[in-house]
């Protein structure tokens, strides 16, 4: 499981997929989310603007990402 460090309160699901280079761009992020290929905390997520906070786990394409607050 890969830790993704954020310095803000949250990151949106489509932004996360682009940030970790799991998709090529925003259009592809939108499509994989709407196709039901992304899970957040074990449940399929259809909201590309879903806010991910510390402790949330995202599953996509056999990869797992956990959101962590940036260490200061």
PDB file of N, CA and C in Angstrom:
ATOM      1  N   UNK A   1       0.838  -1.174   0.000  1.00  0.00           N
ATOM      2  CA  UNK A   1       0.000   0.000   0.000  1.00  0.00           C
ATOM      3  C   UNK A   1       0.887   1.242   0.000  1.00  0.00           C
ATOM      4  N   UNK A   2       0.586   2.130  -0.912  1.00  0.00           N
ATOM      5  CA  UNK A   2       1.389   3.353  -1.055  1.00  0.00           C
ATOM      6  C   UNK A   2       0.759   4.486  -0.253  1.00  0.00           C
ATOM      7  N   UNK A   3       1.564   5.170   0.550  1.00  0.00           N
ATOM      8  CA  UNK A   3       1.080   6.325   1.312  1.00  0.00           C
ATOM      9  C   UNK A   3       1.148   7.557   0.433  1.00  0.00           C
ATOM     10  N   UNK A   4       0.044   8.303   0.420  1.00  0.00           N
ATOM     11  CA  UNK A   4      -0.013   9.550  -0.324  1.00  0.00           C
ATOM     12  C   UNK A   4      -0.139  10.672   0.691  1.00  0.00           C
ATOM     13  N   UNK A   5       0.857  11.540   0.726  1.00  0.00           N
ATOM     14  CA  UNK A   5       0.873  12.626   1.701  1.00  0.00           C
ATOM     15  C   UNK A   5       0.231  13.873   1.112  1.00  0.00           C
ATOM     16  N   UNK A   6      -0.711  14.442   1.864  1.00  0.00           N
ATOM     17  CA  UNK A   6      -1.350  15.677   1.434  1.00  0.00           C
ATOM     18  C   UNK A   6      -1.119  16.743   2.506  1.00  0.00           C
ATOM     19  N   UNK A   7      -1.032  17.984   2.075  1.00  0.00           N
ATOM     20  CA  UNK A   7      -0.815  19.086   3.018  1.00  0.00           C
ATOM     21  C   UNK A   7      -2.103  19.861   3.265  1.00  0.00           C
ATOM     22  N   UNK A   8      -3.169  19.495   2.556  1.00  0.00           N
ATOM     23  CA  UNK A   8      -4.465  20.150   2.710  1.00  0.00           C
ATOM     24  C   UNK A   8      -5.398  19.246   3.505  1.00  0.00           C
ATOM     25  N   UNK A   9      -6.599  19.749   3.788  1.00  0.00           N
ATOM     26  CA  UNK A   9      -7.563  18.970   4.566  1.00  0.00           C
ATOM     27  C   UNK A   9      -8.025  17.729   3.795  1.00  0.00           C
ATOM     28  N   UNK A  10      -8.138  17.861   2.460  1.00  0.00           N
ATOM     29  CA  UNK A  10      -8.615  16.758   1.638  1.00  0.00           C
ATOM     30  C   UNK A  10      -8.053  16.872   0.230  1.00  0.00           C
ATOM     31  N   UNK A  11      -8.209  15.792  -0.537  1.00  0.00           N
ATOM     32  CA  UNK A  11      -7.910  15.789  -1.972  1.00  0.00           C
ATOM     33  C   UNK A  11      -9.086  15.097  -2.644  1.00  0.00           C
ATOM     34  N   UNK A  12      -9.488  15.592  -3.795  1.00  0.00           N
ATOM     35  CA  UNK A  12     -10.613  14.990  -4.511  1.00  0.00           C
ATOM     36  C   UNK A  12     -10.149  13.729  -5.232  1.00  0.00           C
ATOM     37  N   UNK A  13     -11.076  12.797  -5.378  1.00  0.00           N
ATOM     38  CA  UNK A  13     -10.750  11.485  -5.942  1.00  0.00           C
ATOM     39  C   UNK A  13     -10.110  11.587  -7.321  1.00  0.00           C
ATOM     40  N   UNK A  14     -10.685  12.382  -8.215  1.00  0.00           N
ATOM     41  CA  UNK A  14     -10.101  12.480  -9.561  1.00  0.00           C
ATOM     42  C   UNK A  14      -8.707  13.104  -9.514  1.00  0.00           C
ATOM     43  N   UNK A  15      -8.499  14.060  -8.599  1.00  0.00           N
ATOM     44  CA  UNK A  15      -7.182  14.680  -8.461  1.00  0.00           C
ATOM     45  C   UNK A  15      -6.157  13.673  -7.956  1.00  0.00           C
ATOM     46  N   UNK A  16      -6.587  12.807  -7.048  1.00  0.00           N
ATOM     47  CA  UNK A  16      -5.672  11.791  -6.521  1.00  0.00           C
ATOM     48  C   UNK A  16      -5.208  10.854  -7.633  1.00  0.00           C
ATOM     49  N   UNK A  17      -6.138  10.397  -8.455  1.00  0.00           N
ATOM     50  CA  UNK A  17      -5.775   9.470  -9.532  1.00  0.00           C
ATOM     51  C   UNK A  17      -4.772  10.105 -10.485  1.00  0.00           C
ATOM     52  N   UNK A  18      -4.932  11.394 -10.758  1.00  0.00           N
ATOM     53  CA  UNK A  18      -3.964  12.094 -11.612  1.00  0.00           C
ATOM     54  C   UNK A  18      -2.636  12.274 -10.880  1.00  0.00           C
ATOM     55  N   UNK A  19      -2.699  12.616  -9.592  1.00  0.00           N
ATOM     56  CA  UNK A  19      -1.496  12.871  -8.795  1.00  0.00           C
ATOM     57  C   UNK A  19      -0.576  11.657  -8.728  1.00  0.00           C
ATOM     58  N   UNK A  20      -1.153  10.455  -8.604  1.00  0.00           N
ATOM     59  CA  UNK A  20      -0.338   9.238  -8.486  1.00  0.00           C
ATOM     60  C   UNK A  20      -0.046   8.618  -9.859  1.00  0.00           C
ATOM     61  N   UNK A  21      -0.423   9.339 -10.919  1.00  0.00           N
ATOM     62  CA  UNK A  21      -0.211   8.878 -12.301  1.00  0.00           C
ATOM     63  C   UNK A  21      -0.899   7.551 -12.600  1.00  0.00           C
ATOM     64  N   UNK A  22      -2.054   7.316 -11.954  1.00  0.00           N
ATOM     65  CA  UNK A  22      -2.827   6.101 -12.220  1.00  0.00           C
ATOM     66  C   UNK A  22      -3.634   6.253 -13.504  1.00  0.00           C
ATOM     67  N   UNK A  23      -3.864   7.504 -13.919  1.00  0.00           N
ATOM     68  CA  UNK A  23      -4.571   7.806 -15.162  1.00  0.00           C
ATOM     69  C   UNK A  23      -3.791   8.884 -15.900  1.00  0.00           C
ATOM     70  N   UNK A  24      -4.103   9.033 -17.192  1.00  0.00           N
ATOM     71  CA  UNK A  24      -3.363   9.991 -18.009  1.00  0.00           C
ATOM     72  C   UNK A  24      -3.859  11.421 -17.864  1.00  0.00           C
ATOM     73  N   UNK A  25      -5.113  11.578 -17.456  1.00  0.00           N
ATOM     74  CA  UNK A  25      -5.648  12.924 -17.338  1.00  0.00           C
ATOM     75  C   UNK A  25      -7.019  12.929 -16.696  1.00  0.00           C
ATOM     76  N   UNK A  26      -7.603  14.124 -16.624  1.00  0.00           N
ATOM     77  CA  UNK A  26      -8.892  14.283 -15.977  1.00  0.00           C
ATOM     78  C   UNK A  26     -10.023  13.523 -16.638  1.00  0.00           C
ATOM     79  N   UNK A  27     -10.014  13.473 -17.964  1.00  0.00           N
ATOM     80  CA  UNK A  27     -11.054  12.740 -18.688  1.00  0.00           C
ATOM     81  C   UNK A  27     -11.012  11.257 -18.382  1.00  0.00           C
ATOM     82  N   UNK A  28      -9.819  10.713 -18.347  1.00  0.00           N
ATOM     83  CA  UNK A  28      -9.676   9.291 -18.033  1.00  0.00           C
ATOM     84  C   UNK A  28     -10.077   9.021 -16.581  1.00  0.00           C
ATOM     85  N   UNK A  29      -9.723   9.932 -15.672  1.00  0.00           N
ATOM     86  CA  UNK A  29     -10.110   9.787 -14.264  1.00  0.00           C
ATOM     87  C   UNK A  29     -11.623   9.740 -14.152  1.00  0.00           C
ATOM     88  N   UNK A  30     -12.296  10.652 -14.828  1.00  0.00           N
ATOM     89  CA  UNK A  30     -13.761  10.696 -14.810  1.00  0.00           C
ATOM     90  C   UNK A  30     -14.344   9.377 -15.305  1.00  0.00           C
ATOM     91  N   UNK A  31     -13.802   8.852 -16.396  1.00  0.00           N
ATOM     92  CA  UNK A  31     -14.330   7.623 -16.982  1.00  0.00           C
ATOM     93  C   UNK A  31     -14.150   6.412 -16.077  1.00  0.00           C
ATOM     94  N   UNK A  32     -12.984   6.240 -15.489  1.00  0.00           N
ATOM     95  CA  UNK A  32     -12.769   5.056 -14.649  1.00  0.00           C
ATOM     96  C   UNK A  32     -13.621   5.127 -13.387  1.00  0.00           C
ATOM     97  N   UNK A  33     -13.865   6.345 -12.882  1.00  0.00           N
ATOM     98  CA  UNK A  33     -14.719   6.500 -11.709  1.00  0.00           C
ATOM     99  C   UNK A  33     -16.167   6.179 -12.079  1.00  0.00           C
ATOM    100  N   UNK A  34     -16.665   6.758 -13.172  1.00  0.00           N
ATOM    101  CA  UNK A  34     -18.048   6.513 -13.586  1.00  0.00           C
ATOM    102  C   UNK A  34     -18.280   5.065 -14.000  1.00  0.00           C
ATOM    103  N   UNK A  35     -17.232   4.383 -14.438  1.00  0.00           N
ATOM    104  CA  UNK A  35     -17.340   2.965 -14.810  1.00  0.00           C
ATOM    105  C   UNK A  35     -17.299   2.046 -13.585  1.00  0.00           C
ATOM    106  N   UNK A  36     -17.137   2.619 -12.404  1.00  0.00           N
ATOM    107  CA  UNK A  36     -17.152   1.821 -11.178  1.00  0.00           C
ATOM    108  C   UNK A  36     -15.873   1.044 -10.919  1.00  0.00           C
ATOM    109  N   UNK A  37     -14.758   1.538 -11.442  1.00  0.00           N
ATOM    110  CA  UNK A  37     -13.489   0.826 -11.314  1.00  0.00           C
ATOM    111  C   UNK A  37     -12.669   1.260 -10.107  1.00  0.00           C
ATOM    112  N   UNK A  38     -13.172   2.237  -9.345  1.00  0.00           N
ATOM    113  CA  UNK A  38     -12.422   2.781  -8.207  1.00  0.00           C
ATOM    114  C   UNK A  38     -13.214   2.540  -6.918  1.00  0.00           C
ATOM    115  N   UNK A  39     -12.515   2.066  -5.896  1.00  0.00           N
ATOM    116  CA  UNK A  39     -13.132   1.882  -4.584  1.00  0.00           C
ATOM    117  C   UNK A  39     -12.496   2.825  -3.576  1.00  0.00           C
ATOM    118  N   UNK A  40     -13.332   3.328  -2.669  1.00  0.00           N
ATOM    119  CA  UNK A  40     -12.854   4.134  -1.553  1.00  0.00           C
ATOM    120  C   UNK A  40     -13.339   3.448  -0.281  1.00  0.00           C
ATOM    121  N   UNK A  41     -12.403   3.075   0.562  1.00  0.00           N
ATOM    122  CA  UNK A  41     -12.712   2.370   1.806  1.00  0.00           C
ATOM    123  C   UNK A  41     -13.577   1.130   1.562  1.00  0.00           C
ATOM    124  N   UNK A  42     -13.268   0.404   0.475  1.00  0.00           N
ATOM    125  CA  UNK A  42     -13.931  -0.859   0.187  1.00  0.00           C
ATOM    126  C   UNK A  42     -15.235  -0.756  -0.576  1.00  0.00           C
ATOM    127  N   UNK A  43     -15.710   0.452  -0.860  1.00  0.00           N
ATOM    128  CA  UNK A  43     -16.962   0.634  -1.586  1.00  0.00           C
ATOM    129  C   UNK A  43     -16.702   1.345  -2.906  1.00  0.00           C
ATOM    130  N   UNK A  44     -17.410   0.912  -3.956  1.00  0.00           N
ATOM    131  CA  UNK A  44     -17.262   1.545  -5.262  1.00  0.00           C
ATOM    132  C   UNK A  44     -17.678   3.005  -5.151  1.00  0.00           C
ATOM    133  N   UNK A  45     -16.845   3.889  -5.688  1.00  0.00           N
ATOM    134  CA  UNK A  45     -17.107   5.332  -5.638  1.00  0.00           C
ATOM    135  C   UNK A  45     -17.429   5.837  -7.039  1.00  0.00           C
ATOM    136  N   UNK A  46     -18.553   6.532  -7.168  1.00  0.00           N
ATOM    137  CA  UNK A  46     -18.955   7.083  -8.459  1.00  0.00           C
ATOM    138  C   UNK A  46     -18.839   8.603  -8.509  1.00  0.00           C
ATOM    139  N   UNK A  47     -18.378   9.226  -7.408  1.00  0.00           N
ATOM    140  CA  UNK A  47     -18.248  10.686  -7.347  1.00  0.00           C
ATOM    141  C   UNK A  47     -16.797  11.077  -7.583  1.00  0.00           C
ATOM    142  N   UNK A  48     -16.538  11.703  -8.710  1.00  0.00           N
ATOM    143  CA  UNK A  48     -15.140  12.075  -8.981  1.00  0.00           C
ATOM    144  C   UNK A  48     -14.666  13.179  -8.052  1.00  0.00           C
ATOM    145  N   UNK A  49     -15.605  13.957  -7.495  1.00  0.00           N
ATOM    146  CA  UNK A  49     -15.248  15.019  -6.573  1.00  0.00           C
ATOM    147  C   UNK A  49     -15.267  14.592  -5.115  1.00  0.00           C
ATOM    148  N   UNK A  50     -15.362  13.281  -4.881  1.00  0.00           N
ATOM    149  CA  UNK A  50     -15.399  12.786  -3.501  1.00  0.00           C
ATOM    150  C   UNK A  50     -14.162  13.252  -2.755  1.00  0.00           C
ATOM    151  N   UNK A  51     -14.379  13.797  -1.563  1.00  0.00           N
ATOM    152  CA  UNK A  51     -13.270  14.318  -0.772  1.00  0.00           C
ATOM    153  C   UNK A  51     -12.624  13.189   0.025  1.00  0.00           C
ATOM    154  N   UNK A  52     -11.339  13.019  -0.173  1.00  0.00           N
ATOM    155  CA  UNK A  52     -10.570  11.998   0.538  1.00  0.00           C
ATOM    156  C   UNK A  52      -9.788  12.668   1.645  1.00  0.00           C
ATOM    157  N   UNK A  53      -9.908  12.100   2.825  1.00  0.00           N
ATOM    158  CA  UNK A  53      -9.225  12.661   3.980  1.00  0.00           C
ATOM    159  C   UNK A  53      -8.255  11.634   4.559  1.00  0.00           C
ATOM    160  N   UNK A  54      -7.484  12.069   5.539  1.00  0.00           N
ATOM    161  CA  UNK A  54      -6.501  11.197   6.177  1.00  0.00           C
ATOM    162  C   UNK A  54      -7.151   9.883   6.612  1.00  0.00           C
ATOM    163  N   UNK A  55      -6.506   8.774   6.253  1.00  0.00           N
ATOM    164  CA  UNK A  55      -6.990   7.449   6.630  1.00  0.00           C
ATOM    165  C   UNK A  55      -7.822   6.769   5.563  1.00  0.00           C
ATOM    166  N   UNK A  56      -8.297   7.512   4.561  1.00  0.00           N
ATOM    167  CA  UNK A  56      -9.075   6.900   3.482  1.00  0.00           C
ATOM    168  C   UNK A  56      -8.163   6.041   2.612  1.00  0.00           C
ATOM    169  N   UNK A  57      -8.726   4.937   2.124  1.00  0.00           N
ATOM    170  CA  UNK A  57      -7.977   4.012   1.275  1.00  0.00           C
ATOM    171  C   UNK A  57      -8.656   3.941  -0.085  1.00  0.00           C
ATOM    172  N   UNK A  58      -7.874   4.149  -1.130  1.00  0.00           N
ATOM    173  CA  UNK A  58      -8.369   4.118  -2.498  1.00  0.00           C
ATOM    174  C   UNK A  58      -7.783   2.897  -3.191  1.00  0.00           C
ATOM    175  N   UNK A  59      -8.651   2.139  -3.858  1.00  0.00           N
ATOM    176  CA  UNK A  59      -8.221   0.970  -4.618  1.00  0.00           C
ATOM    177  C   UNK A  59      -8.520   1.211  -6.087  1.00  0.00           C
ATOM    178  N   UNK A  60      -7.513   1.028  -6.936  1.00  0.00           N
ATOM    179  CA  UNK A  60      -7.693   1.156  -8.383  1.00  0.00           C
ATOM    180  C   UNK A  60      -6.595   0.383  -9.092  1.00  0.00           C
ATOM    181  N   UNK A  61      -6.990  -0.417 -10.064  1.00  0.00           N
ATOM    182  CA  UNK A  61      -6.047  -1.110 -10.938  1.00  0.00           C
ATOM    183  C   UNK A  61      -5.040  -1.943 -10.132  1.00  0.00           C
ATOM    184  N   UNK A  62      -5.542  -2.687  -9.157  1.00  0.00           N
ATOM    185  CA  UNK A  62      -4.727  -3.555  -8.302  1.00  0.00           C
ATOM    186  C   UNK A  62      -3.694  -2.801  -7.466  1.00  0.00           C
ATOM    187  N   UNK A  63      -3.923  -1.525  -7.252  1.00  0.00           N
ATOM    188  CA  UNK A  63      -3.058  -0.707  -6.398  1.00  0.00           C
ATOM    189  C   UNK A  63      -3.895  -0.135  -5.265  1.00  0.00           C
ATOM    190  N   UNK A  64      -3.294   0.026  -4.100  1.00  0.00           N
ATOM    191  CA  UNK A  64      -3.953   0.620  -2.947  1.00  0.00           C
ATOM    192  C   UNK A  64      -3.174   1.846  -2.499  1.00  0.00           C
ATOM    193  N   UNK A  65      -3.911   2.911  -2.219  1.00  0.00           N
ATOM    194  CA  UNK A  65      -3.307   4.165  -1.772  1.00  0.00           C
ATOM    195  C   UNK A  65      -3.996   4.588  -0.478  1.00  0.00           C
ATOM    196  N   UNK A  66      -3.220   4.976   0.528  1.00  0.00           N
ATOM    197  CA  UNK A  66      -3.788   5.472   1.781  1.00  0.00           C
ATOM    198  C   UNK A  66      -3.405   6.936   1.925  1.00  0.00           C
ATOM    199  N   UNK A  67      -4.397   7.732   2.290  1.00  0.00           N
ATOM    200  CA  UNK A  67      -4.177   9.162   2.426  1.00  0.00           C
ATOM    201  C   UNK A  67      -3.610   9.457   3.811  1.00  0.00           C
ATOM    202  N   UNK A  68      -2.519  10.203   3.858  1.00  0.00           N
ATOM    203  CA  UNK A  68      -1.887  10.592   5.121  1.00  0.00           C
ATOM    204  C   UNK A  68      -1.610  12.093   5.104  1.00  0.00           C
ATOM    205  N   UNK A  69      -1.667  12.679   6.280  1.00  0.00           N
ATOM    206  CA  UNK A  69      -1.324  14.098   6.384  1.00  0.00           C
ATOM    207  C   UNK A  69       0.189  14.234   6.227  1.00  0.00           C
ATOM    208  N   UNK A  70       0.583  15.285   5.541  1.00  0.00           N
ATOM    209  CA  UNK A  70       1.991  15.554   5.306  1.00  0.00           C
ATOM    210  C   UNK A  70       2.693  15.796   6.638  1.00  0.00           C
ATOM    211  N   UNK A  71       3.819  15.148   6.807  1.00  0.00           N
ATOM    212  CA  UNK A  71       4.594  15.321   8.038  1.00  0.00           C
ATOM    213  C   UNK A  71       5.276  16.679   8.017  1.00  0.00           C
ATOM    214  N   UNK A  72       5.241  17.354   9.144  1.00  0.00           N
ATOM    215  CA  UNK A  72       5.830  18.703   9.210  1.00  0.00           C
ATOM    216  C   UNK A  72       7.210  18.666   9.798  1.00  0.00           C
TER     217      UNK A  72
END
